[in-house]
Amino acid sequence: TRNYADSVKGRFTIARDMRNVNLQMNSLKPEDTGVYYCNVRSVDNV
């Protein structure tokens, strides 16, 4: 299941496969400015 913060809902799309996690960002606003970090949680919770 894909989930989004209210501030980006309808504008951002997250997608993943075994080796990639992508974030498609559309209709960008100045408040979207920032450093973006990817995070992956392993099956052993690391």
All heavy atoms as atom14 arrays in JSON, in Angstrom:
{
  "sequence": "TRNYADSVKGRFTIARDMRNVNLQMNSLKPEDTGVYYCNVRSVDNV",
  "atom14_mask": [
    [1, 1, 1, 1, 1, 1, 1, 0, 0, 0, 0, 0, 0, 0],
    [1, 1, 1, 1, 1, 1, 1, 1, 1, 1, 1, 0, 0, 0],
    [1, 1, 1, 1, 1, 1, 1, 1, 0, 0, 0, 0, 0, 0],
    [1, 1, 1, 1, 1, 1, 1, 1, 1, 1, 1, 1, 0, 0],
    [1, 1, 1, 1, 1, 0, 0, 0, 0, 0, 0, 0, 0, 0],
    [1, 1, 1, 1, 1, 1, 1, 1, 0, 0, 0, 0, 0, 0],
    [1, 1, 1, 1, 1, 1, 0, 0, 0, 0, 0, 0, 0, 0],
    [1, 1, 1, 1, 1, 1, 1, 0, 0, 0, 0, 0, 0, 0],
    [1, 1, 1, 1, 1, 1, 1, 1, 1, 0, 0, 0, 0, 0],
    [1, 1, 1, 1, 0, 0, 0, 0, 0, 0, 0, 0, 0, 0],
    [1, 1, 1, 1, 1, 1, 1, 1, 1, 1, 1, 0, 0, 0],
    [1, 1, 1, 1, 1, 1, 1, 1, 1, 1, 1, 0, 0, 0],
    [1, 1, 1, 1, 1, 1, 1, 0, 0, 0, 0, 0, 0, 0],
    [1, 1, 1, 1, 1, 1, 1, 1, 0, 0, 0, 0, 0, 0],
    [1, 1, 1, 1, 1, 0, 0, 0, 0, 0, 0, 0, 0, 0],
    [1, 1, 1, 1, 1, 1, 1, 1, 1, 1, 1, 0, 0, 0],
    [1, 1, 1, 1, 1, 1, 1, 1, 0, 0, 0, 0, 0, 0],
    [1, 1, 1, 1, 1, 1, 1, 1, 0, 0, 0, 0, 0, 0],
    [1, 1, 1, 1, 1, 1, 1, 1, 1, 1, 1, 0, 0, 0],
    [1, 1, 1, 1, 1, 1, 1, 1, 0, 0, 0, 0, 0, 0],
    [1, 1, 1, 1, 1, 1, 1, 0, 0, 0, 0, 0, 0, 0],
    [1, 1, 1, 1, 1, 1, 1, 1, 0, 0, 0, 0, 0, 0],
    [1, 1, 1, 1, 1, 1, 1, 1, 0, 0, 0, 0, 0, 0],
    [1, 1, 1, 1, 1, 1, 1, 1, 1, 0, 0, 0, 0, 0],
    [1, 1, 1, 1, 1, 1, 1, 1, 0, 0, 0, 0, 0, 0],
    [1, 1, 1, 1, 1, 1, 1, 1, 0, 0, 0, 0, 0, 0],
    [1, 1, 1, 1, 1, 1, 0, 0, 0, 0, 0, 0, 0, 0],
    [1, 1, 1, 1, 1, 1, 1, 1, 0, 0, 0, 0, 0, 0],
    [1, 1, 1, 1, 1, 1, 1, 1, 1, 0, 0, 0, 0, 0],
    [1, 1, 1, 1, 1, 1, 1, 0, 0, 0, 0, 0, 0, 0],
    [1, 1, 1, 1, 1, 1, 1, 1, 1, 0, 0, 0, 0, 0],
    [1, 1, 1, 1, 1, 1, 1, 1, 0, 0, 0, 0, 0, 0],
    [1, 1, 1, 1, 1, 1, 1, 0, 0, 0, 0, 0, 0, 0],
    [1, 1, 1, 1, 0, 0, 0, 0, 0, 0, 0, 0, 0, 0],
    [1, 1, 1, 1, 1, 1, 1, 0, 0, 0, 0, 0, 0, 0],
    [1, 1, 1, 1, 1, 1, 1, 1, 1, 1, 1, 1, 0, 0],
    [1, 1, 1, 1, 1, 1, 1, 1, 1, 1, 1, 1, 0, 0],
    [1, 1, 1, 1, 1, 1, 0, 0, 0, 0, 0, 0, 0, 0],
    [1, 1, 1, 1, 1, 1, 1, 1, 0, 0, 0, 0, 0, 0],
    [1, 1, 1, 1, 1, 1, 1, 0, 0, 0, 0, 0, 0, 0],
    [1, 1, 1, 1, 1, 1, 1, 1, 1, 1, 1, 0, 0, 0],
    [1, 1, 1, 1, 1, 1, 0, 0, 0, 0, 0, 0, 0, 0],
    [1, 1, 1, 1, 1, 1, 1, 0, 0, 0, 0, 0, 0, 0],
    [1, 1, 1, 1, 1, 1, 1, 1, 0, 0, 0, 0, 0, 0],
    [1, 1, 1, 1, 1, 1, 1, 1, 0, 0, 0, 0, 0, 0],
    [1, 1, 1, 1, 1, 1, 1, 0, 0, 0, 0, 0, 0, 0]
  ],
  "atom14_positions": [
    [[0.82, -1.2, 0.0], [0.0, 0.0, 0.0], [0.86, 1.26, 0.0], [1.81, 1.37, 0.78], [-0.93, 0.03, 1.22], [-1.75, -1.14, 1.21], [-1.82, 1.26, 1.18], [0.0, 0.0, 0.0], [0.0, 0.0, 0.0], [0.0, 0.0, 0.0], [0.0, 0.0, 0.0], [0.0, 0.0, 0.0], [0.0, 0.0, 0.0], [0.0, 0.0, 0.0]],
    [[0.52, 2.19, -0.85], [1.25, 3.45, -0.94], [0.52, 4.54, -0.17], [-0.71, 4.67, -0.27], [1.45, 3.86, -2.4], [2.34, 2.89, -3.17], [2.58, 3.33, -4.59], [1.4, 3.15, -5.42], [1.39, 3.32, -6.73], [2.51, 3.69, -7.36], [0.28, 3.14, -7.42], [0.0, 0.0, 0.0], [0.0, 0.0, 0.0], [0.0, 0.0, 0.0]],
    [[1.28, 5.31, 0.59], [0.73, 6.36, 1.43], [1.5, 7.65, 1.25], [2.7, 7.64, 0.98], [0.76, 5.95, 2.9], [0.0, 4.66, 3.17], [0.56, 3.56, 3.08], [-1.27, 4.8, 3.51], [0.0, 0.0, 0.0], [0.0, 0.0, 0.0], [0.0, 0.0, 0.0], [0.0, 0.0, 0.0], [0.0, 0.0, 0.0], [0.0, 0.0, 0.0]],
    [[0.8, 8.77, 1.43], [1.4, 10.07, 1.2], [0.99, 11.06, 2.28], [-0.1, 10.98, 2.84], [0.95, 10.63, -0.16], [1.27, 9.73, -1.32], [0.35, 8.78, -1.76], [2.5, 9.82, -1.96], [0.65, 7.95, -2.82], [2.8, 8.98, -3.02], [1.87, 8.05, -3.45], [2.17, 7.23, -4.5], [0.0, 0.0, 0.0], [0.0, 0.0, 0.0]],
    [[1.9, 11.98, 2.57], [1.55, 13.09, 3.43], [0.49, 13.94, 2.74], [0.46, 14.04, 1.51], [2.79, 13.93, 3.74], [0.0, 0.0, 0.0], [0.0, 0.0, 0.0], [0.0, 0.0, 0.0], [0.0, 0.0, 0.0], [0.0, 0.0, 0.0], [0.0, 0.0, 0.0], [0.0, 0.0, 0.0], [0.0, 0.0, 0.0], [0.0, 0.0, 0.0]],
    [[-0.37, 14.56, 3.54], [-1.44, 15.37, 2.97], [-0.9, 16.47, 2.06], [-1.53, 16.83, 1.06], [-2.28, 15.99, 4.09], [-3.15, 14.97, 4.79], [-3.39, 13.89, 4.23], [-3.6, 15.26, 5.92], [0.0, 0.0, 0.0], [0.0, 0.0, 0.0], [0.0, 0.0, 0.0], [0.0, 0.0, 0.0], [0.0, 0.0, 0.0], [0.0, 0.0, 0.0]],
    [[0.25, 17.0, 2.39], [0.8, 18.12, 1.64], [1.22, 17.75, 0.22], [1.36, 18.63, -0.63], [2.0, 18.73, 2.38], [3.03, 17.77, 2.54], [0.0, 0.0, 0.0], [0.0, 0.0, 0.0], [0.0, 0.0, 0.0], [0.0, 0.0, 0.0], [0.0, 0.0, 0.0], [0.0, 0.0, 0.0], [0.0, 0.0, 0.0], [0.0, 0.0, 0.0]],
    [[1.43, 16.46, -0.05], [1.88, 16.04, -1.36], [0.9, 15.11, -2.06], [1.12, 14.74, -3.22], [3.26, 15.35, -1.3], [4.27, 16.23, -0.58], [3.16, 13.99, -0.62], [0.0, 0.0, 0.0], [0.0, 0.0, 0.0], [0.0, 0.0, 0.0], [0.0, 0.0, 0.0], [0.0, 0.0, 0.0], [0.0, 0.0, 0.0], [0.0, 0.0, 0.0]],
    [[-0.16, 14.75, -1.39], [-1.14, 13.83, -1.95], [-1.71, 14.37, -3.26], [-2.12, 15.53, -3.34], [-2.25, 13.57, -0.94], [-3.18, 12.42, -1.29], [-4.15, 12.13, -0.14], [-3.41, 11.73, 1.13], [-4.35, 11.42, 2.24], [0.0, 0.0, 0.0], [0.0, 0.0, 0.0], [0.0, 0.0, 0.0], [0.0, 0.0, 0.0], [0.0, 0.0, 0.0]],
    [[-1.73, 13.52, -4.26], [-2.22, 13.91, -5.57], [-1.16, 14.49, -6.47], [-1.4, 14.67, -7.67], [0.0, 0.0, 0.0], [0.0, 0.0, 0.0], [0.0, 0.0, 0.0], [0.0, 0.0, 0.0], [0.0, 0.0, 0.0], [0.0, 0.0, 0.0], [0.0, 0.0, 0.0], [0.0, 0.0, 0.0], [0.0, 0.0, 0.0], [0.0, 0.0, 0.0]],
    [[0.01, 14.81, -5.92], [1.1, 15.39, -6.7], [2.32, 14.48, -6.79], [3.03, 14.51, -7.79], [1.53, 16.73, -6.11], [0.41, 17.77, -6.06], [0.93, 19.13, -5.61], [1.46, 19.1, -4.25], [2.73, 19.35, -3.93], [3.61, 19.66, -4.88], [3.12, 19.31, -2.66], [0.0, 0.0, 0.0], [0.0, 0.0, 0.0], [0.0, 0.0, 0.0]],
    [[2.55, 13.68, -5.75], [3.72, 12.8, -5.7], [3.28, 11.36, -5.86], [2.18, 10.96, -5.43], [4.45, 12.94, -4.36], [5.2, 14.22, -4.17], [4.99, 15.32, -4.99], [6.13, 14.34, -3.14], [5.67, 16.51, -4.81], [6.82, 15.52, -2.94], [6.6, 16.6, -3.77], [0.0, 0.0, 0.0], [0.0, 0.0, 0.0], [0.0, 0.0, 0.0]],
    [[4.15, 10.56, -6.45], [3.92, 9.13, -6.6], [5.18, 8.37, -6.24], [6.25, 8.66, -6.78], [3.49, 8.77, -8.03], [2.32, 9.51, -8.4], [3.19, 7.27, -8.13], [0.0, 0.0, 0.0], [0.0, 0.0, 0.0], [0.0, 0.0, 0.0], [0.0, 0.0, 0.0], [0.0, 0.0, 0.0], [0.0, 0.0, 0.0], [0.0, 0.0, 0.0]],
    [[5.06, 7.42, -5.33], [6.18, 6.57, -4.95], [6.03, 5.21, -5.61], [4.92, 4.68, -5.7], [6.29, 6.43, -3.42], [7.55, 5.66, -3.03], [5.05, 5.79, -2.83], [7.83, 5.66, -1.53], [0.0, 0.0, 0.0], [0.0, 0.0, 0.0], [0.0, 0.0, 0.0], [0.0, 0.0, 0.0], [0.0, 0.0, 0.0], [0.0, 0.0, 0.0]],
    [[7.13, 4.67, -6.09], [7.13, 3.36, -6.73], [8.4, 2.63, -6.37], [9.45, 3.25, -6.17], [7.0, 3.5, -8.25], [0.0, 0.0, 0.0], [0.0, 0.0, 0.0], [0.0, 0.0, 0.0], [0.0, 0.0, 0.0], [0.0, 0.0, 0.0], [0.0, 0.0, 0.0], [0.0, 0.0, 0.0], [0.0, 0.0, 0.0], [0.0, 0.0, 0.0]],
    [[8.32, 1.32, -6.29], [9.5, 0.54, -5.93], [9.53, -0.8, -6.65], [8.51, -1.32, -7.08], [9.53, 0.29, -4.42], [8.49, -0.73, -3.94], [8.61, -0.99, -2.45], [7.71, -2.03, -1.99], [7.51, -2.35, -0.72], [8.15, -1.67, 0.23], [6.68, -3.32, -0.39], [0.0, 0.0, 0.0], [0.0, 0.0, 0.0], [0.0, 0.0, 0.0]],
    [[10.73, -1.32, -6.78], [10.94, -2.69, -7.19], [12.05, -3.25, -6.31], [12.33, -2.7, -5.24], [11.25, -2.81, -8.69], [12.45, -1.98, -9.13], [13.39, -1.79, -8.33], [12.44, -1.51, -10.29], [0.0, 0.0, 0.0], [0.0, 0.0, 0.0], [0.0, 0.0, 0.0], [0.0, 0.0, 0.0], [0.0, 0.0, 0.0], [0.0, 0.0, 0.0]],
    [[12.69, -4.32, -6.72], [13.67, -4.96, -5.86], [14.92, -4.13, -5.64], [15.62, -4.31, -4.64], [14.07, -6.32, -6.44], [12.98, -7.38, -6.33], [12.52, -7.71, -4.61], [14.07, -8.33, -3.95], [0.0, 0.0, 0.0], [0.0, 0.0, 0.0], [0.0, 0.0, 0.0], [0.0, 0.0, 0.0], [0.0, 0.0, 0.0], [0.0, 0.0, 0.0]],
    [[15.21, -3.19, -6.54], [16.45, -2.44, -6.43], [16.29, -0.93, -6.51], [17.28, -0.21, -6.39], [17.42, -2.89, -7.52], [18.03, -4.26, -7.26], [18.99, -4.2, -6.09], [19.43, -5.52, -5.66], [20.31, -5.73, -4.68], [20.86, -4.72, -4.06], [20.63, -6.97, -4.34], [0.0, 0.0, 0.0], [0.0, 0.0, 0.0], [0.0, 0.0, 0.0]],
    [[15.09, -0.45, -6.69], [14.88, 0.98, -6.86], [13.65, 1.47, -6.12], [12.64, 0.76, -6.04], [14.73, 1.33, -8.34], [15.98, 1.01, -9.13], [16.93, 1.79, -9.15], [15.96, -0.14, -9.8], [0.0, 0.0, 0.0], [0.0, 0.0, 0.0], [0.0, 0.0, 0.0], [0.0, 0.0, 0.0], [0.0, 0.0, 0.0], [0.0, 0.0, 0.0]],
    [[13.75, 2.67, -5.6], [12.62, 3.37, -5.01], [12.59, 4.76, -5.63], [13.49, 5.56, -5.38], [12.72, 3.47, -3.49], [11.45, 4.1, -2.92], [12.95, 2.1, -2.86], [0.0, 0.0, 0.0], [0.0, 0.0, 0.0], [0.0, 0.0, 0.0], [0.0, 0.0, 0.0], [0.0, 0.0, 0.0], [0.0, 0.0, 0.0], [0.0, 0.0, 0.0]],
    [[11.57, 5.04, -6.4], [11.48, 6.31, -7.1], [10.36, 7.18, -6.53], [9.36, 6.68, -6.02], [11.23, 6.09, -8.59], [12.37, 5.38, -9.27], [13.51, 5.46, -8.84], [12.07, 4.68, -10.36], [0.0, 0.0, 0.0], [0.0, 0.0, 0.0], [0.0, 0.0, 0.0], [0.0, 0.0, 0.0], [0.0, 0.0, 0.0], [0.0, 0.0, 0.0]],
    [[10.56, 8.48, -6.64], [9.55, 9.44, -6.22], [9.33, 10.41, -7.37], [10.2, 11.22, -7.68], [9.97, 10.18, -4.96], [8.93, 11.13, -4.37], [7.75, 10.34, -3.81], [9.55, 12.0, -3.28], [0.0, 0.0, 0.0], [0.0, 0.0, 0.0], [0.0, 0.0, 0.0], [0.0, 0.0, 0.0], [0.0, 0.0, 0.0], [0.0, 0.0, 0.0]],
    [[8.17, 10.31, -8.0], [7.79, 11.24, -9.06], [7.06, 12.41, -8.44], [6.05, 12.23, -7.76], [6.91, 10.53, -10.08], [6.36, 11.45, -11.17], [7.45, 12.01, -12.06], [8.3, 11.27, -12.55], [7.43, 13.32, -12.26], [0.0, 0.0, 0.0], [0.0, 0.0, 0.0], [0.0, 0.0, 0.0], [0.0, 0.0, 0.0], [0.0, 0.0, 0.0]],
    [[7.57, 13.61, -8.66], [7.01, 14.81, -8.07], [6.5, 15.72, -9.17], [7.26, 16.14, -10.04], [8.06, 15.53, -7.22], [8.69, 14.65, -6.15], [9.88, 15.54, -5.1], [11.15, 15.89, -6.31], [0.0, 0.0, 0.0], [0.0, 0.0, 0.0], [0.0, 0.0, 0.0], [0.0, 0.0, 0.0], [0.0, 0.0, 0.0], [0.0, 0.0, 0.0]],
    [[5.23, 16.03, -9.11], [4.59, 16.91, -10.08], [4.02, 18.13, -9.38], [3.81, 18.13, -8.16], [3.49, 16.17, -10.83], [3.99, 14.99, -11.62], [5.05, 15.05, -12.23], [3.21, 13.91, -11.62], [0.0, 0.0, 0.0], [0.0, 0.0, 0.0], [0.0, 0.0, 0.0], [0.0, 0.0, 0.0], [0.0, 0.0, 0.0], [0.0, 0.0, 0.0]],
    [[3.73, 19.16, -10.16], [3.13, 20.39, -9.64], [3.87, 20.89, -8.41], [3.27, 21.21, -7.38], [1.65, 20.16, -9.33], [0.94, 19.73, -10.46], [0.0, 0.0, 0.0], [0.0, 0.0, 0.0], [0.0, 0.0, 0.0], [0.0, 0.0, 0.0], [0.0, 0.0, 0.0], [0.0, 0.0, 0.0], [0.0, 0.0, 0.0], [0.0, 0.0, 0.0]],
    [[5.16, 20.97, -8.51], [6.0, 21.32, -7.36], [5.75, 22.75, -6.88], [5.51, 23.65, -7.68], [7.47, 21.12, -7.7], [7.92, 19.66, -7.72], [9.23, 19.5, -8.46], [8.04, 19.14, -6.29], [0.0, 0.0, 0.0], [0.0, 0.0, 0.0], [0.0, 0.0, 0.0], [0.0, 0.0, 0.0], [0.0, 0.0, 0.0], [0.0, 0.0, 0.0]],
    [[5.84, 22.91, -5.57], [5.64, 24.19, -4.92], [6.9, 24.58, -4.17], [7.7, 23.72, -3.8], [4.47, 24.1, -3.93], [3.16, 23.61, -4.53], [2.11, 23.42, -3.44], [0.8, 22.92, -4.01], [-0.22, 22.73, -2.94], [0.0, 0.0, 0.0], [0.0, 0.0, 0.0], [0.0, 0.0, 0.0], [0.0, 0.0, 0.0], [0.0, 0.0, 0.0]],
    [[7.08, 25.87, -3.89], [8.26, 26.29, -3.13], [8.38, 25.58, -1.79], [9.51, 25.32, -1.34], [8.05, 27.8, -2.95], [7.25, 28.2, -4.15], [6.32, 27.04, -4.4], [0.0, 0.0, 0.0], [0.0, 0.0, 0.0], [0.0, 0.0, 0.0], [0.0, 0.0, 0.0], [0.0, 0.0, 0.0], [0.0, 0.0, 0.0], [0.0, 0.0, 0.0]],
    [[7.27, 25.27, -1.15], [7.33, 24.59, 0.13], [7.78, 23.14, 0.04], [7.99, 22.49, 1.06], [5.97, 24.66, 0.86], [4.8, 24.23, 0.0], [4.08, 25.41, -0.64], [4.76, 26.33, -1.12], [2.83, 25.42, -0.63], [0.0, 0.0, 0.0], [0.0, 0.0, 0.0], [0.0, 0.0, 0.0], [0.0, 0.0, 0.0], [0.0, 0.0, 0.0]],
    [[7.92, 22.63, -1.17], [8.49, 21.3, -1.36], [10.01, 21.31, -1.28], [10.64, 20.24, -1.31], [8.07, 20.72, -2.71], [6.58, 20.46, -2.79], [6.0, 19.97, -1.8], [5.99, 20.72, -3.87], [0.0, 0.0, 0.0], [0.0, 0.0, 0.0], [0.0, 0.0, 0.0], [0.0, 0.0, 0.0], [0.0, 0.0, 0.0], [0.0, 0.0, 0.0]],
    [[10.6, 22.47, -1.19], [12.05, 22.6, -1.12], [12.61, 21.91, 0.12], [12.06, 22.04, 1.22], [12.46, 24.07, -1.13], [12.09, 24.66, -2.39], [13.96, 24.23, -0.93], [0.0, 0.0, 0.0], [0.0, 0.0, 0.0], [0.0, 0.0, 0.0], [0.0, 0.0, 0.0], [0.0, 0.0, 0.0], [0.0, 0.0, 0.0], [0.0, 0.0, 0.0]],
    [[13.69, 21.19, -0.05], [14.34, 20.53, 1.06], [15.26, 19.44, 0.58], [15.41, 19.2, -0.61], [0.0, 0.0, 0.0], [0.0, 0.0, 0.0], [0.0, 0.0, 0.0], [0.0, 0.0, 0.0], [0.0, 0.0, 0.0], [0.0, 0.0, 0.0], [0.0, 0.0, 0.0], [0.0, 0.0, 0.0], [0.0, 0.0, 0.0], [0.0, 0.0, 0.0]],
    [[15.89, 18.79, 1.53], [16.72, 17.63, 1.24], [15.86, 16.38, 1.37], [15.24, 16.16, 2.41], [17.94, 17.54, 2.17], [18.78, 16.31, 1.84], [18.79, 18.81, 2.06], [0.0, 0.0, 0.0], [0.0, 0.0, 0.0], [0.0, 0.0, 0.0], [0.0, 0.0, 0.0], [0.0, 0.0, 0.0], [0.0, 0.0, 0.0], [0.0, 0.0, 0.0]],
    [[15.84, 15.59, 0.33], [15.03, 14.38, 0.31], [15.9, 13.16, 0.58], [16.96, 13.0, -0.02], [14.33, 14.24, -1.04], [13.15, 15.18, -1.19], [13.35, 16.55, -1.32], [11.85, 14.69, -1.19], [12.28, 17.4, -1.45], [10.77, 15.54, -1.32], [10.99, 16.9, -1.45], [9.91, 17.75, -1.59], [0.0, 0.0, 0.0], [0.0, 0.0, 0.0]],
    [[15.41, 12.3, 1.47], [16.14, 11.11, 1.88], [15.32, 9.86, 1.6], [14.15, 9.78, 1.98], [16.46, 11.15, 3.37], [17.38, 12.26, 3.8], [16.88, 13.5, 4.19], [18.76, 12.08, 3.82], [17.71, 14.52, 4.59], [19.6, 13.1, 4.22], [19.08, 14.32, 4.61], [19.91, 15.33, 5.01], [0.0, 0.0, 0.0], [0.0, 0.0, 0.0]],
    [[15.95, 8.91, 0.98], [15.36, 7.6, 0.77], [15.67, 6.71, 1.98], [16.77, 6.76, 2.53], [15.93, 6.98, -0.51], [15.38, 5.3, -0.86], [0.0, 0.0, 0.0], [0.0, 0.0, 0.0], [0.0, 0.0, 0.0], [0.0, 0.0, 0.0], [0.0, 0.0, 0.0], [0.0, 0.0, 0.0], [0.0, 0.0, 0.0], [0.0, 0.0, 0.0]],
    [[14.7, 5.93, 2.37], [14.85, 5.0, 3.49], [14.26, 3.65, 3.12], [13.17, 3.57, 2.56], [14.17, 5.55, 4.74], [14.03, 4.52, 5.85], [13.06, 3.76, 5.89], [15.0, 4.5, 6.75], [0.0, 0.0, 0.0], [0.0, 0.0, 0.0], [0.0, 0.0, 0.0], [0.0, 0.0, 0.0], [0.0, 0.0, 0.0], [0.0, 0.0, 0.0]],
    [[14.99, 2.6, 3.47], [14.52, 1.24, 3.24], [14.67, 0.44, 4.52], [15.73, 0.45, 5.14], [15.31, 0.56, 2.1], [14.89, -0.9, 1.96], [15.08, 1.29, 0.78], [0.0, 0.0, 0.0], [0.0, 0.0, 0.0], [0.0, 0.0, 0.0], [0.0, 0.0, 0.0], [0.0, 0.0, 0.0], [0.0, 0.0, 0.0], [0.0, 0.0, 0.0]],
    [[13.62, -0.25, 4.91], [13.65, -1.09, 6.09], [13.73, -2.55, 5.68], [12.9, -3.05, 4.92], [12.42, -0.85, 6.96], [12.35, -1.72, 8.21], [11.27, -1.23, 9.14], [11.58, 0.1, 9.65], [10.75, 0.84, 10.39], [9.54, 0.37, 10.67], [11.12, 2.03, 10.82], [0.0, 0.0, 0.0], [0.0, 0.0, 0.0], [0.0, 0.0, 0.0]],
    [[14.74, -3.25, 6.2], [14.95, -4.64, 5.86], [14.0, -5.54, 6.64], [13.33, -5.11, 7.58], [16.4, -5.05, 6.13], [16.67, -5.05, 7.52], [0.0, 0.0, 0.0], [0.0, 0.0, 0.0], [0.0, 0.0, 0.0], [0.0, 0.0, 0.0], [0.0, 0.0, 0.0], [0.0, 0.0, 0.0], [0.0, 0.0, 0.0], [0.0, 0.0, 0.0]],
    [[13.97, -6.81, 6.25], [13.1, -7.77, 6.92], [13.5, -7.98, 8.37], [12.67, -8.4, 9.18], [13.07, -9.11, 6.17], [12.43, -8.93, 4.8], [14.47, -9.69, 6.03], [0.0, 0.0, 0.0], [0.0, 0.0, 0.0], [0.0, 0.0, 0.0], [0.0, 0.0, 0.0], [0.0, 0.0, 0.0], [0.0, 0.0, 0.0], [0.0, 0.0, 0.0]],
    [[14.75, -7.71, 8.73], [15.19, -7.8, 10.12], [15.15, -6.44, 10.81], [15.83, -6.22, 11.82], [16.59, -8.41, 10.21], [17.62, -7.69, 9.37], [17.23, -6.91, 8.47], [18.82, -7.91, 9.59], [0.0, 0.0, 0.0], [0.0, 0.0, 0.0], [0.0, 0.0, 0.0], [0.0, 0.0, 0.0], [0.0, 0.0, 0.0], [0.0, 0.0, 0.0]],
    [[14.37, -5.52, 10.28], [14.08, -4.22, 10.88], [15.3, -3.3, 11.01], [15.41, -2.53, 11.97], [13.41, -4.4, 12.25], [12.03, -5.0, 12.14], [11.27, -4.68, 11.23], [11.7, -5.88, 13.08], [0.0, 0.0, 0.0], [0.0, 0.0, 0.0], [0.0, 0.0, 0.0], [0.0, 0.0, 0.0], [0.0, 0.0, 0.0], [0.0, 0.0, 0.0]],
    [[16.19, -3.37, 10.06], [17.31, -2.45, 9.99], [16.99, -1.39, 8.94], [16.6, -1.73, 7.82], [18.62, -3.16, 9.64], [19.75, -2.16, 9.46], [18.97, -4.16, 10.73], [0.0, 0.0, 0.0], [0.0, 0.0, 0.0], [0.0, 0.0, 0.0], [0.0, 0.0, 0.0], [0.0, 0.0, 0.0], [0.0, 0.0, 0.0], [0.0, 0.0, 0.0]]
  ]
}
